[in-house]
Amino acid sequence: MAKEKVTKKKKTQPKENKTSFIKNVRSEMKKVIFPSGKEVLKYTVATLIFCFLLVGFFMLLNLGLSIVKGMF
């Protein structure tokens, strides 16, 4: 079996790439529109209601299946 020589390539990046990356991140962050407090509250309440509905659904499903299992 012949041994193959494995060479590791060093990743060298000039500083220009790092500074341009930071500049690009800053310019993209200026385009971001964050939700207002009212929107955050509205989405939070909607999420909690949805979670409670799911919990109720699975509790009823569990109860129904336990009753069916108890019959047999």
PDB file of N, CA and C in Angstrom:
ATOM      1  N   MET A   1       0.828  -1.168   0.000  1.00  0.00           N
ATOM      2  CA  MET A   1       0.000   0.000   0.000  1.00  0.00           C
ATOM      3  C   MET A   1       0.881   1.243   0.000  1.00  0.00           C
ATOM      4  N   ALA A   2       0.634   2.104  -0.895  1.00  0.00           N
ATOM      5  CA  ALA A   2       1.443   3.315  -1.002  1.00  0.00           C
ATOM      6  C   ALA A   2       0.862   4.394  -0.092  1.00  0.00           C
ATOM      7  N   LYS A   3       1.733   5.070   0.604  1.00  0.00           N
ATOM      8  CA  LYS A   3       1.293   6.150   1.469  1.00  0.00           C
ATOM      9  C   LYS A   3       1.159   7.427   0.656  1.00  0.00           C
ATOM     10  N   GLU A   4       0.045   8.067   0.820  1.00  0.00           N
ATOM     11  CA  GLU A   4      -0.157   9.329   0.128  1.00  0.00           C
ATOM     12  C   GLU A   4       0.230  10.465   1.058  1.00  0.00           C
ATOM     13  N   LYS A   5       0.885  11.430   0.478  1.00  0.00           N
ATOM     14  CA  LYS A   5       1.321  12.566   1.265  1.00  0.00           C
ATOM     15  C   LYS A   5       0.152  13.552   1.408  1.00  0.00           C
ATOM     16  N   VAL A   6      -0.171  13.854   2.644  1.00  0.00           N
ATOM     17  CA  VAL A   6      -1.267  14.778   2.915  1.00  0.00           C
ATOM     18  C   VAL A   6      -0.670  16.137   3.220  1.00  0.00           C
ATOM     19  N   THR A   7      -1.104  17.114   2.476  1.00  0.00           N
ATOM     20  CA  THR A   7      -0.609  18.464   2.717  1.00  0.00           C
ATOM     21  C   THR A   7      -1.742  19.312   3.269  1.00  0.00           C
ATOM     22  N   LYS A   8      -1.407  20.079   4.260  1.00  0.00           N
ATOM     23  CA  LYS A   8      -2.398  20.972   4.855  1.00  0.00           C
ATOM     24  C   LYS A   8      -2.204  22.361   4.256  1.00  0.00           C
ATOM     25  N   LYS A   9      -3.305  22.927   3.846  1.00  0.00           N
ATOM     26  CA  LYS A   9      -3.247  24.274   3.303  1.00  0.00           C
ATOM     27  C   LYS A   9      -3.607  25.255   4.409  1.00  0.00           C
ATOM     28  N   LYS A  10      -2.778  26.248   4.554  1.00  0.00           N
ATOM     29  CA  LYS A  10      -3.053  27.271   5.554  1.00  0.00           C
ATOM     30  C   LYS A  10      -4.046  28.266   4.967  1.00  0.00           C
ATOM     31  N   LYS A  11      -5.008  28.611   5.786  1.00  0.00           N
ATOM     32  CA  LYS A  11      -5.973  29.600   5.350  1.00  0.00           C
ATOM     33  C   LYS A  11      -5.508  30.964   5.819  1.00  0.00           C
ATOM     34  N   THR A  12      -5.057  31.734   4.903  1.00  0.00           N
ATOM     35  CA  THR A  12      -4.638  33.092   5.239  1.00  0.00           C
ATOM     36  C   THR A  12      -5.561  34.058   4.523  1.00  0.00           C
ATOM     37  N   GLN A  13      -6.125  34.956   5.287  1.00  0.00           N
ATOM     38  CA  GLN A  13      -7.004  35.958   4.720  1.00  0.00           C
ATOM     39  C   GLN A  13      -6.427  37.324   5.003  1.00  0.00           C
ATOM     40  N   PRO A  14      -6.375  38.127   3.995  1.00  0.00           N
ATOM     41  CA  PRO A  14      -5.886  39.478   4.243  1.00  0.00           C
ATOM     42  C   PRO A  14      -6.879  40.253   5.108  1.00  0.00           C
ATOM     43  N   LYS A  15      -6.382  41.309   5.747  1.00  0.00           N
ATOM     44  CA  LYS A  15      -7.225  42.100   6.639  1.00  0.00           C
ATOM     45  C   LYS A  15      -8.358  42.771   5.894  1.00  0.00           C
ATOM     46  N   GLU A  16      -8.195  42.971   4.621  1.00  0.00           N
ATOM     47  CA  GLU A  16      -9.236  43.633   3.845  1.00  0.00           C
ATOM     48  C   GLU A  16     -10.544  42.852   3.907  1.00  0.00           C
ATOM     49  N   ASN A  17     -10.464  41.538   3.888  1.00  0.00           N
ATOM     50  CA  ASN A  17     -11.677  40.723   3.933  1.00  0.00           C
ATOM     51  C   ASN A  17     -12.407  40.900   5.257  1.00  0.00           C
ATOM     52  N   LYS A  18     -11.661  40.987   6.342  1.00  0.00           N
ATOM     53  CA  LYS A  18     -12.282  41.137   7.656  1.00  0.00           C
ATOM     54  C   LYS A  18     -12.944  42.494   7.783  1.00  0.00           C
ATOM     55  N   THR A  19     -12.283  43.540   7.331  1.00  0.00           N
ATOM     56  CA  THR A  19     -12.879  44.873   7.446  1.00  0.00           C
ATOM     57  C   THR A  19     -14.060  45.023   6.499  1.00  0.00           C
ATOM     58  N   SER A  20     -13.981  44.451   5.334  1.00  0.00           N
ATOM     59  CA  SER A  20     -15.115  44.548   4.420  1.00  0.00           C
ATOM     60  C   SER A  20     -16.293  43.738   4.956  1.00  0.00           C
ATOM     61  N   PHE A  21     -16.023  42.646   5.630  1.00  0.00           N
ATOM     62  CA  PHE A  21     -17.095  41.857   6.244  1.00  0.00           C
ATOM     63  C   PHE A  21     -17.815  42.689   7.293  1.00  0.00           C
ATOM     64  N   ILE A  22     -17.062  43.370   8.130  1.00  0.00           N
ATOM     65  CA  ILE A  22     -17.662  44.197   9.186  1.00  0.00           C
ATOM     66  C   ILE A  22     -18.468  45.330   8.566  1.00  0.00           C
ATOM     67  N   LYS A  23     -17.954  45.930   7.520  1.00  0.00           N
ATOM     68  CA  LYS A  23     -18.691  47.001   6.841  1.00  0.00           C
ATOM     69  C   LYS A  23     -19.986  46.471   6.240  1.00  0.00           C
ATOM     70  N   ASN A  24     -19.925  45.279   5.666  1.00  0.00           N
ATOM     71  CA  ASN A  24     -21.127  44.683   5.090  1.00  0.00           C
ATOM     72  C   ASN A  24     -22.161  44.366   6.170  1.00  0.00           C
ATOM     73  N   VAL A  25     -21.695  43.885   7.307  1.00  0.00           N
ATOM     74  CA  VAL A  25     -22.615  43.584   8.408  1.00  0.00           C
ATOM     75  C   VAL A  25     -23.290  44.863   8.889  1.00  0.00           C
ATOM     76  N   ARG A  26     -22.518  45.924   9.025  1.00  0.00           N
ATOM     77  CA  ARG A  26     -23.100  47.198   9.472  1.00  0.00           C
ATOM     78  C   ARG A  26     -24.139  47.708   8.481  1.00  0.00           C
ATOM     79  N   SER A  27     -23.830  47.618   7.195  1.00  0.00           N
ATOM     80  CA  SER A  27     -24.785  48.119   6.201  1.00  0.00           C
ATOM     81  C   SER A  27     -26.056  47.264   6.189  1.00  0.00           C
ATOM     82  N   GLU A  28     -25.924  45.962   6.396  1.00  0.00           N
ATOM     83  CA  GLU A  28     -27.112  45.103   6.436  1.00  0.00           C
ATOM     84  C   GLU A  28     -27.929  45.353   7.698  1.00  0.00           C
ATOM     85  N   MET A  29     -27.268  45.615   8.808  1.00  0.00           N
ATOM     86  CA  MET A  29     -27.988  45.867  10.055  1.00  0.00           C
ATOM     87  C   MET A  29     -28.780  47.168   9.985  1.00  0.00           C
ATOM     88  N   LYS A  30     -28.339  48.118   9.167  1.00  0.00           N
ATOM     89  CA  LYS A  30     -29.090  49.361   8.999  1.00  0.00           C
ATOM     90  C   LYS A  30     -30.401  49.111   8.255  1.00  0.00           C
ATOM     91  N   LYS A  31     -30.478  48.031   7.481  1.00  0.00           N
ATOM     92  CA  LYS A  31     -31.671  47.712   6.705  1.00  0.00           C
ATOM     93  C   LYS A  31     -32.709  46.943   7.527  1.00  0.00           C
ATOM     94  N   VAL A  32     -32.306  46.436   8.687  1.00  0.00           N
ATOM     95  CA  VAL A  32     -33.203  45.617   9.510  1.00  0.00           C
ATOM     96  C   VAL A  32     -34.252  46.508  10.158  1.00  0.00           C
ATOM     97  N   ILE A  33     -35.500  46.056  10.095  1.00  0.00           N
ATOM     98  CA  ILE A  33     -36.595  46.772  10.752  1.00  0.00           C
ATOM     99  C   ILE A  33     -37.054  45.909  11.924  1.00  0.00           C
ATOM    100  N   PHE A  34     -36.831  46.396  13.124  1.00  0.00           N
ATOM    101  CA  PHE A  34     -37.194  45.658  14.321  1.00  0.00           C
ATOM    102  C   PHE A  34     -38.658  45.915  14.652  1.00  0.00           C
ATOM    103  N   PRO A  35     -39.355  44.923  15.218  1.00  0.00           N
ATOM    104  CA  PRO A  35     -40.772  45.115  15.555  1.00  0.00           C
ATOM    105  C   PRO A  35     -40.937  46.077  16.729  1.00  0.00           C
ATOM    106  N   SER A  36     -42.075  46.751  16.738  1.00  0.00           N
ATOM    107  CA  SER A  36     -42.361  47.671  17.835  1.00  0.00           C
ATOM    108  C   SER A  36     -42.785  46.868  19.070  1.00  0.00           C
ATOM    109  N   GLY A  37     -42.925  47.549  20.167  1.00  0.00           N
ATOM    110  CA  GLY A  37     -43.339  46.887  21.410  1.00  0.00           C
ATOM    111  C   GLY A  37     -44.719  46.274  21.306  1.00  0.00           C
ATOM    112  N   LYS A  38     -45.643  46.995  20.612  1.00  0.00           N
ATOM    113  CA  LYS A  38     -47.003  46.476  20.442  1.00  0.00           C
ATOM    114  C   LYS A  38     -46.995  45.199  19.615  1.00  0.00           C
ATOM    115  N   GLU A  39     -46.174  45.171  18.580  1.00  0.00           N
ATOM    116  CA  GLU A  39     -46.094  43.971  17.736  1.00  0.00           C
ATOM    117  C   GLU A  39     -45.529  42.788  18.513  1.00  0.00           C
ATOM    118  N   VAL A  40     -44.500  43.037  19.299  1.00  0.00           N
ATOM    119  CA  VAL A  40     -43.903  41.963  20.104  1.00  0.00           C
ATOM    120  C   VAL A  40     -44.925  41.415  21.084  1.00  0.00           C
ATOM    121  N   LEU A  41     -45.675  42.296  21.720  1.00  0.00           N
ATOM    122  CA  LEU A  41     -46.712  41.859  22.667  1.00  0.00           C
ATOM    123  C   LEU A  41     -47.787  41.046  21.948  1.00  0.00           C
ATOM    124  N   LYS A  42     -48.199  41.513  20.773  1.00  0.00           N
ATOM    125  CA  LYS A  42     -49.232  40.808  20.010  1.00  0.00           C
ATOM    126  C   LYS A  42     -48.756  39.412  19.621  1.00  0.00           C
ATOM    127  N   TYR A  43     -47.523  39.289  19.153  1.00  0.00           N
ATOM    128  CA  TYR A  43     -46.989  37.984  18.755  1.00  0.00           C
ATOM    129  C   TYR A  43     -46.782  37.075  19.958  1.00  0.00           C
ATOM    130  N   THR A  44     -46.410  37.644  21.091  1.00  0.00           N
ATOM    131  CA  THR A  44     -46.224  36.852  22.306  1.00  0.00           C
ATOM    132  C   THR A  44     -47.551  36.271  22.782  1.00  0.00           C
ATOM    133  N   VAL A  45     -48.588  37.099  22.794  1.00  0.00           N
ATOM    134  CA  VAL A  45     -49.909  36.638  23.224  1.00  0.00           C
ATOM    135  C   VAL A  45     -50.423  35.563  22.266  1.00  0.00           C
ATOM    136  N   ALA A  46     -50.247  35.776  20.966  1.00  0.00           N
ATOM    137  CA  ALA A  46     -50.701  34.784  19.981  1.00  0.00           C
ATOM    138  C   ALA A  46     -49.970  33.460  20.175  1.00  0.00           C
ATOM    139  N   THR A  47     -48.682  33.514  20.455  1.00  0.00           N
ATOM    140  CA  THR A  47     -47.899  32.299  20.675  1.00  0.00           C
ATOM    141  C   THR A  47     -48.364  31.562  21.922  1.00  0.00           C
ATOM    142  N   LEU A  48     -48.603  32.301  22.999  1.00  0.00           N
ATOM    143  CA  LEU A  48     -49.066  31.667  24.237  1.00  0.00           C
ATOM    144  C   LEU A  48     -50.440  31.023  24.055  1.00  0.00           C
ATOM    145  N   ILE A  49     -51.340  31.710  23.367  1.00  0.00           N
ATOM    146  CA  ILE A  49     -52.670  31.136  23.120  1.00  0.00           C
ATOM    147  C   ILE A  49     -52.549  29.848  22.306  1.00  0.00           C
ATOM    148  N   PHE A  50     -51.716  29.881  21.282  1.00  0.00           N
ATOM    149  CA  PHE A  50     -51.511  28.691  20.454  1.00  0.00           C
ATOM    150  C   PHE A  50     -50.943  27.542  21.286  1.00  0.00           C
ATOM    151  N   CYS A  51     -49.988  27.838  22.159  1.00  0.00           N
ATOM    152  CA  CYS A  51     -49.409  26.793  23.019  1.00  0.00           C
ATOM    153  C   CYS A  51     -50.466  26.202  23.953  1.00  0.00           C
ATOM    154  N   PHE A  52     -51.309  27.052  24.551  1.00  0.00           N
ATOM    155  CA  PHE A  52     -52.356  26.555  25.440  1.00  0.00           C
ATOM    156  C   PHE A  52     -53.368  25.701  24.683  1.00  0.00           C
ATOM    157  N   LEU A  53     -53.686  26.096  23.453  1.00  0.00           N
ATOM    158  CA  LEU A  53     -54.590  25.282  22.642  1.00  0.00           C
ATOM    159  C   LEU A  53     -53.984  23.910  22.349  1.00  0.00           C
ATOM    160  N   LEU A  54     -52.715  23.878  22.034  1.00  0.00           N
ATOM    161  CA  LEU A  54     -52.055  22.595  21.784  1.00  0.00           C
ATOM    162  C   LEU A  54     -52.023  21.732  23.043  1.00  0.00           C
ATOM    163  N   VAL A  55     -51.732  22.345  24.172  1.00  0.00           N
ATOM    164  CA  VAL A  55     -51.711  21.597  25.440  1.00  0.00           C
ATOM    165  C   VAL A  55     -53.093  21.016  25.703  1.00  0.00           C
ATOM    166  N   GLY A  56     -54.143  21.822  25.522  1.00  0.00           N
ATOM    167  CA  GLY A  56     -55.503  21.340  25.731  1.00  0.00           C
ATOM    168  C   GLY A  56     -55.847  20.200  24.790  1.00  0.00           C
ATOM    169  N   PHE A  57     -55.462  20.331  23.523  1.00  0.00           N
ATOM    170  CA  PHE A  57     -55.732  19.280  22.546  1.00  0.00           C
ATOM    171  C   PHE A  57     -55.081  17.969  22.957  1.00  0.00           C
ATOM    172  N   PHE A  58     -53.818  18.024  23.338  1.00  0.00           N
ATOM    173  CA  PHE A  58     -53.112  16.790  23.695  1.00  0.00           C
ATOM    174  C   PHE A  58     -53.599  16.224  25.028  1.00  0.00           C
ATOM    175  N   MET A  59     -54.056  17.080  25.930  1.00  0.00           N
ATOM    176  CA  MET A  59     -54.628  16.560  27.175  1.00  0.00           C
ATOM    177  C   MET A  59     -55.929  15.808  26.896  1.00  0.00           C
ATOM    178  N   LEU A  60     -56.774  16.389  26.027  1.00  0.00           N
ATOM    179  CA  LEU A  60     -58.019  15.709  25.665  1.00  0.00           C
ATOM    180  C   LEU A  60     -57.735  14.412  24.907  1.00  0.00           C
ATOM    181  N   LEU A  61     -56.761  14.443  24.027  1.00  0.00           N
ATOM    182  CA  LEU A  61     -56.386  13.244  23.294  1.00  0.00           C
ATOM    183  C   LEU A  61     -55.894  12.161  24.248  1.00  0.00           C
ATOM    184  N   ASN A  62     -55.075  12.543  25.209  1.00  0.00           N
ATOM    185  CA  ASN A  62     -54.566  11.600  26.200  1.00  0.00           C
ATOM    186  C   ASN A  62     -55.702  11.033  27.040  1.00  0.00           C
ATOM    187  N   LEU A  63     -56.611  11.904  27.449  1.00  0.00           N
ATOM    188  CA  LEU A  63     -57.755  11.456  28.243  1.00  0.00           C
ATOM    189  C   LEU A  63     -58.612  10.478  27.436  1.00  0.00           C
ATOM    190  N   GLY A  64     -58.898  10.826  26.197  1.00  0.00           N
ATOM    191  CA  GLY A  64     -59.699   9.947  25.351  1.00  0.00           C
ATOM    192  C   GLY A  64     -59.050   8.601  25.131  1.00  0.00           C
ATOM    193  N   LEU A  65     -57.756   8.604  24.879  1.00  0.00           N
ATOM    194  CA  LEU A  65     -57.055   7.343  24.661  1.00  0.00           C
ATOM    195  C   LEU A  65     -56.977   6.506  25.940  1.00  0.00           C
ATOM    196  N   SER A  66     -56.859   7.157  27.112  1.00  0.00           N
ATOM    197  CA  SER A  66     -56.848   6.396  28.358  1.00  0.00           C
ATOM    198  C   SER A  66     -58.189   5.759  28.622  1.00  0.00           C
ATOM    199  N   ILE A  67     -59.270   6.457  28.278  1.00  0.00           N
ATOM    200  CA  ILE A  67     -60.616   5.887  28.467  1.00  0.00           C
ATOM    201  C   ILE A  67     -60.795   4.687  27.533  1.00  0.00           C
ATOM    202  N   VAL A  68     -60.373   4.842  26.277  1.00  0.00           N
ATOM    203  CA  VAL A  68     -60.486   3.734  25.314  1.00  0.00           C
ATOM    204  C   VAL A  68     -59.644   2.547  25.767  1.00  0.00           C
ATOM    205  N   LYS A  69     -58.440   2.820  26.257  1.00  0.00           N
ATOM    206  CA  LYS A  69     -57.566   1.729  26.714  1.00  0.00           C
ATOM    207  C   LYS A  69     -58.155   1.028  27.943  1.00  0.00           C
ATOM    208  N   GLY A  70     -58.822   1.791  28.803  1.00  0.00           N
ATOM    209  CA  GLY A  70     -59.429   1.219  30.013  1.00  0.00           C
ATOM    210  C   GLY A  70     -60.608   0.322  29.706  1.00  0.00           C
ATOM    211  N   MET A  71     -61.238   0.525  28.564  1.00  0.00           N
ATOM    212  CA  MET A  71     -62.391  -0.302  28.201  1.00  0.00           C
ATOM    213  C   MET A  71     -61.986  -1.687  27.771  1.00  0.00           C
ATOM    214  N   PHE A  72     -60.808  -1.829  27.243  1.00  0.00           N
ATOM    215  CA  PHE A  72     -60.400  -3.127  26.695  1.00  0.00           C
ATOM    216  C   PHE A  72     -59.486  -3.860  27.613  1.00  0.00           C
TER     217      PHE A  72
END
